Amino acid sequence: MTKIALSISGSDSGGGAGVQADLRTFHRFGVFGTSALTLITAQNTQGVNHIEFLSPDLVISQIDAVLDDMGAQVIKIGALGTAPIISAVAERLRRVDSIPIVVDPVMVSKHGDVLLDEDAAESLVQEMLPLATLVTPNLLEASALTRREITTPFAMMEASRMILDMGPEAVLIKGGQRLGGQALDVLFDGQQLLQFPAPIIDTPHTHGTGCTYSAAIAALLCEGKTIEEAVEEAKAFIGRAIANAPGLGTGSGPVSHWA
């Protein structure tokens, strides 16, 4: 049976992040990708020029159109944008039978553009994180969620415990911002605290790494992998994706989704 993944996220006109990255990544892992757009951006490798948020009703209509007909074996959450969208999506997902939900709490774009205001961030914590099988913040997002600066591997581990207390089943903090001289990720499920180190790849072309990484995890969960197995395989994949980035654009270009 063909496995189906649903991405609920924003659109990146440059194709490196958001729904576009999710769908490419799902396809790379042999999973059929469907989508529900939450927002539309006009962006390229240099930055985000414009953002338009869709209405919560339209977002939910897209989700219903997919789930009521085709269903899904995993749901991946990306940029949601506003508190009303977060509340509407959370309410809809509470009615979904138990399938993995991977929440990538997109709060700031690679270029530094804010994609989630303070009210929306609070809604994310209160309504979305408790639904997550796995939440995958990067260092900046983990700092925003915990209101603590994260500058050491130990601080990453402490932050993972704090975020787990917000309700998800497991937390993966992505340390791709060169913490401690390596790309270290920390996975905590309340029982095990695992570290996934990797060498730093010196390249400006890292746009969409968070979306692509979490989409790969979602696809692997869809195929029946455990969280630990999915993270380990997706971590290796994102390293290859960065190392083989096609070098598109004049700014921070996309990674290779075919790695």
Protein backbone atom coordinates (compact mmCIF):
# COMPACT_ATOMS: atom_id res chain seq x y z
CA MET A 1 0.00 0.00 0.00
CA THR A 2 1.26 3.46 -0.89
CA LYS A 3 2.10 5.48 2.21
CA ILE A 4 0.71 9.02 2.38
CA ALA A 5 2.15 12.00 4.28
CA LEU A 6 0.30 15.29 4.81
CA SER A 7 2.33 18.49 5.11
CA ILE A 8 0.56 21.42 6.78
CA SER A 9 2.86 24.36 6.16
CA GLY A 10 3.66 27.48 4.17
CA SER A 11 4.70 27.91 0.57
CA ASP A 12 8.22 29.01 -0.39
CA SER A 13 8.25 30.47 -3.91
CA GLY A 14 11.99 29.76 -4.10
CA GLY A 15 11.29 26.06 -3.54
CA GLY A 16 13.91 25.46 -0.86
CA ALA A 17 11.74 25.24 2.24
CA GLY A 18 8.13 24.86 3.30
CA VAL A 19 5.66 22.64 1.49
CA GLN A 20 7.87 22.46 -1.60
CA ALA A 21 10.76 20.98 0.41
CA ASP A 22 8.41 18.63 2.25
CA LEU A 23 6.90 17.20 -0.92
CA ARG A 24 10.30 16.66 -2.53
CA THR A 25 11.58 14.94 0.59
CA PHE A 26 8.52 12.69 0.89
CA HIS A 27 9.04 11.65 -2.72
CA ARG A 28 12.74 10.97 -2.08
CA PHE A 29 11.73 8.44 0.60
CA GLY A 30 9.02 6.79 -1.48
CA VAL A 31 6.08 8.40 0.32
CA PHE A 32 3.23 10.15 -1.53
CA GLY A 33 3.02 13.75 -0.35
CA THR A 34 -0.14 15.81 0.09
CA SER A 35 -0.41 19.35 1.45
CA ALA A 36 -2.47 22.03 3.17
CA LEU A 37 -1.06 25.53 2.75
CA THR A 38 -1.16 27.91 5.69
CA LEU A 39 0.64 30.92 4.23
CA ILE A 40 2.25 32.05 1.01
CA THR A 41 5.62 33.76 0.84
CA ALA A 42 7.37 35.64 -1.93
CA GLN A 43 10.98 34.68 -1.30
CA ASN A 44 14.22 33.59 -2.89
CA THR A 45 17.71 32.74 -1.66
CA GLN A 46 18.22 36.33 -0.47
CA GLY A 47 15.17 36.75 1.75
CA VAL A 48 11.41 36.93 2.26
CA ASN A 49 9.77 39.84 0.45
CA HIS A 50 6.11 39.29 1.29
CA ILE A 51 3.89 37.00 3.41
CA GLU A 52 0.14 36.40 3.11
CA PHE A 53 -1.66 34.20 5.65
CA LEU A 54 -4.57 32.08 4.48
CA SER A 55 -7.84 31.97 6.38
CA PRO A 56 -8.20 29.23 9.02
CA ASP A 57 -11.30 27.96 7.19
CA LEU A 58 -9.34 27.49 3.97
CA VAL A 59 -6.55 25.70 5.81
CA ILE A 60 -9.00 23.30 7.43
CA SER A 61 -10.82 22.74 4.13
CA GLN A 62 -7.54 21.57 2.61
CA ILE A 63 -6.87 19.22 5.51
CA ASP A 64 -10.41 17.81 5.31
CA ALA A 65 -10.11 17.33 1.55
CA VAL A 66 -7.04 15.13 2.03
CA LEU A 67 -7.94 13.22 5.19
CA ASP A 68 -11.58 12.54 4.30
CA ASP A 69 -10.62 10.99 0.96
CA MET A 70 -7.04 9.72 0.92
CA GLY A 71 -6.11 9.68 4.58
CA ALA A 72 -2.52 9.90 5.82
CA GLN A 73 -0.10 7.73 7.74
CA VAL A 74 1.86 10.71 9.08
CA ILE A 75 1.29 14.46 9.43
CA LYS A 76 4.11 16.97 9.33
CA ILE A 77 3.48 20.49 10.68
CA GLY A 78 5.60 23.41 9.51
CA ALA A 79 4.96 27.15 9.47
CA LEU A 80 1.46 27.92 10.76
CA GLY A 81 1.77 31.69 11.00
CA THR A 82 -1.06 32.91 13.23
CA ALA A 83 -2.79 31.95 16.46
CA PRO A 84 -6.18 31.41 14.74
CA ILE A 85 -4.60 29.02 12.22
CA ILE A 86 -2.81 27.13 15.01
CA SER A 87 -6.03 26.81 17.03
CA ALA A 88 -8.02 25.63 14.02
CA VAL A 89 -5.41 23.06 12.97
CA ALA A 90 -5.02 21.78 16.54
CA GLU A 91 -8.78 21.35 16.88
CA ARG A 92 -8.91 19.40 13.61
CA LEU A 93 -5.97 17.17 14.54
CA ARG A 94 -7.55 16.25 17.86
CA ARG A 95 -10.08 14.31 15.77
CA VAL A 96 -7.41 12.38 13.88
CA ASP A 97 -6.88 8.74 14.80
CA SER A 98 -3.51 8.04 16.37
CA ILE A 99 -0.89 8.59 13.68
CA PRO A 100 2.53 10.22 14.08
CA ILE A 101 2.53 14.02 14.06
CA VAL A 102 5.90 15.72 13.54
CA VAL A 103 5.85 19.39 14.54
CA ASP A 104 8.63 21.60 13.19
CA PRO A 105 7.97 24.85 15.10
CA VAL A 106 8.94 27.28 12.36
CA MET A 107 9.27 30.67 14.05
CA VAL A 108 11.94 32.51 12.04
CA SER A 109 13.01 32.02 8.42
CA LYS A 110 16.59 31.21 7.44
CA HIS A 111 16.94 34.89 6.51
CA GLY A 112 15.78 36.10 9.94
CA ASP A 113 12.21 37.03 8.99
CA VAL A 114 9.72 36.45 11.84
CA LEU A 115 7.07 33.92 10.79
CA LEU A 116 5.33 33.52 14.16
CA ASP A 117 4.32 36.38 16.46
CA GLU A 118 4.20 36.15 20.26
CA ASP A 119 0.49 35.27 20.47
CA ALA A 120 0.94 32.56 17.88
CA ALA A 121 3.99 31.19 19.70
CA GLU A 122 1.92 30.86 22.88
CA SER A 123 -0.82 29.05 20.95
CA LEU A 124 1.80 26.73 19.51
CA VAL A 125 2.98 25.76 22.99
CA GLN A 126 -0.48 25.41 24.50
CA GLU A 127 -2.34 23.74 21.64
CA MET A 128 0.04 22.14 19.14
CA LEU A 129 2.97 20.72 21.11
CA PRO A 130 0.77 18.40 23.22
CA LEU A 131 -0.38 16.74 19.97
CA ALA A 132 3.15 16.09 18.72
CA THR A 133 4.74 12.67 18.48
CA LEU A 134 7.99 14.56 17.88
CA VAL A 135 8.79 18.28 17.95
CA THR A 136 11.94 19.40 16.10
CA PRO A 137 13.08 22.93 17.08
CA ASN A 138 16.45 24.31 16.06
CA LEU A 139 18.57 26.16 18.61
CA LEU A 140 16.87 29.52 18.04
CA GLU A 141 13.40 27.99 18.28
CA ALA A 142 14.34 25.97 21.36
CA SER A 143 15.62 29.18 22.97
CA ALA A 144 12.37 30.95 22.15
CA LEU A 145 10.27 28.08 23.51
CA THR A 146 12.23 27.82 26.78
CA ARG A 147 13.11 31.52 27.08
CA ARG A 148 16.71 30.48 27.72
CA GLU A 149 19.89 31.06 25.78
CA ILE A 150 21.35 27.77 24.55
CA THR A 151 25.11 27.92 24.11
CA THR A 152 26.35 24.47 25.22
CA PRO A 153 25.45 20.82 24.65
CA PHE A 154 24.36 20.61 28.29
CA ALA A 155 21.98 23.54 27.75
CA MET A 156 20.53 21.66 24.76
CA MET A 157 19.83 18.68 26.98
CA GLU A 158 18.19 20.82 29.64
CA ALA A 159 16.08 22.57 26.99
CA SER A 160 14.93 19.21 25.62
CA ARG A 161 13.62 18.29 29.06
CA MET A 162 11.80 21.62 29.38
CA ILE A 163 10.16 21.27 25.96
CA LEU A 164 9.15 17.67 26.71
CA ASP A 165 7.26 19.04 29.72
CA MET A 166 5.17 21.08 27.25
CA GLY A 167 3.47 17.89 26.08
CA PRO A 168 5.13 16.21 23.08
CA GLU A 169 6.11 12.55 23.21
CA ALA A 170 9.68 13.32 22.15
CA VAL A 171 11.91 16.33 21.39
CA LEU A 172 14.71 16.67 18.86
CA ILE A 173 16.76 19.85 19.23
CA LYS A 174 18.73 20.50 16.06
CA GLY A 175 22.10 22.10 16.66
CA GLY A 176 23.08 22.78 13.08
CA GLN A 177 24.17 26.29 14.05
CA ARG A 178 27.63 24.95 14.90
CA LEU A 179 27.26 24.60 18.63
CA GLY A 180 30.46 23.30 20.19
CA GLY A 181 32.22 23.01 16.84
CA GLN A 182 29.91 20.33 15.47
CA ALA A 183 26.38 19.85 14.17
CA LEU A 184 25.01 18.17 17.29
CA ASP A 185 21.36 17.13 17.65
CA VAL A 186 19.79 15.92 20.90
CA LEU A 187 16.79 13.55 21.07
CA PHE A 188 14.89 13.08 24.34
CA ASP A 189 11.76 10.97 24.87
CA GLY A 190 11.57 11.08 28.65
CA GLN A 191 13.52 7.83 28.97
CA GLN A 192 16.56 8.11 26.72
CA LEU A 193 18.64 11.15 25.88
CA LEU A 194 20.54 10.48 22.68
CA GLN A 195 23.12 12.59 20.87
CA PHE A 196 23.60 12.69 17.09
CA PRO A 197 26.84 14.52 16.22
CA ALA A 198 28.00 15.28 12.68
CA PRO A 199 30.83 17.27 11.14
CA ILE A 200 30.17 20.83 10.07
CA ILE A 201 29.82 21.37 6.33
CA ASP A 202 31.08 24.82 5.36
CA THR A 203 28.51 26.13 2.88
CA PRO A 204 26.03 29.01 2.67
CA HIS A 205 23.51 26.74 0.97
CA THR A 206 21.45 25.53 3.93
CA HIS A 207 18.05 27.03 3.16
CA GLY A 208 15.28 24.60 4.10
CA THR A 209 17.43 22.23 6.15
CA GLY A 210 14.97 22.21 9.06
CA CYS A 211 11.96 21.55 6.83
CA THR A 212 13.80 18.87 4.87
CA TYR A 213 15.18 17.14 7.98
CA SER A 214 11.82 16.98 9.75
CA ALA A 215 10.05 15.89 6.55
CA ALA A 216 12.55 13.04 6.20
CA ILE A 217 11.84 11.98 9.78
CA ALA A 218 8.10 12.09 9.07
CA ALA A 219 8.50 9.98 5.92
CA LEU A 220 10.57 7.40 7.79
CA LEU A 221 8.02 7.23 10.63
CA CYS A 222 5.39 6.71 7.93
CA GLU A 223 7.36 3.67 6.78
CA GLY A 224 7.31 2.19 10.28
CA LYS A 225 10.68 3.27 11.66
CA THR A 226 11.01 4.09 15.35
CA ILE A 227 11.73 7.70 16.28
CA GLU A 228 15.37 6.85 17.02
CA GLU A 229 15.78 5.01 13.70
CA ALA A 230 14.05 7.79 11.77
CA VAL A 231 16.21 10.51 13.31
CA GLU A 232 19.42 8.56 12.70
CA GLU A 233 18.60 7.93 9.02
CA ALA A 234 17.27 11.45 8.44
CA LYS A 235 20.37 12.95 10.06
CA ALA A 236 22.60 11.09 7.59
CA PHE A 237 20.34 12.20 4.72
CA ILE A 238 20.40 15.90 5.64
CA GLY A 239 24.20 15.79 5.84
CA ARG A 240 24.33 14.48 2.27
CA ALA A 241 21.67 17.01 1.21
CA ILE A 242 23.78 19.91 2.49
CA ALA A 243 27.04 18.52 1.11
CA ASN A 244 25.45 18.13 -2.35
CA ALA A 245 23.53 21.43 -2.42
CA PRO A 246 23.12 22.51 -6.05
CA GLY A 247 24.39 26.06 -5.38
CA LEU A 248 21.31 27.86 -6.67
CA GLY A 249 20.79 31.60 -6.26
CA THR A 250 23.02 34.34 -4.91
CA GLY A 251 22.17 33.92 -1.23
CA SER A 252 21.42 30.96 1.03
CA GLY A 253 20.42 28.36 -1.53
CA PRO A 254 18.46 25.12 -1.10
CA VAL A 255 19.88 21.74 -0.21
CA SER A 256 19.67 18.73 -2.52
CA HIS A 257 16.48 16.76 -1.95
CA TRP A 258 17.82 13.90 -4.10
CA ALA A 259 20.85 13.12 -1.93
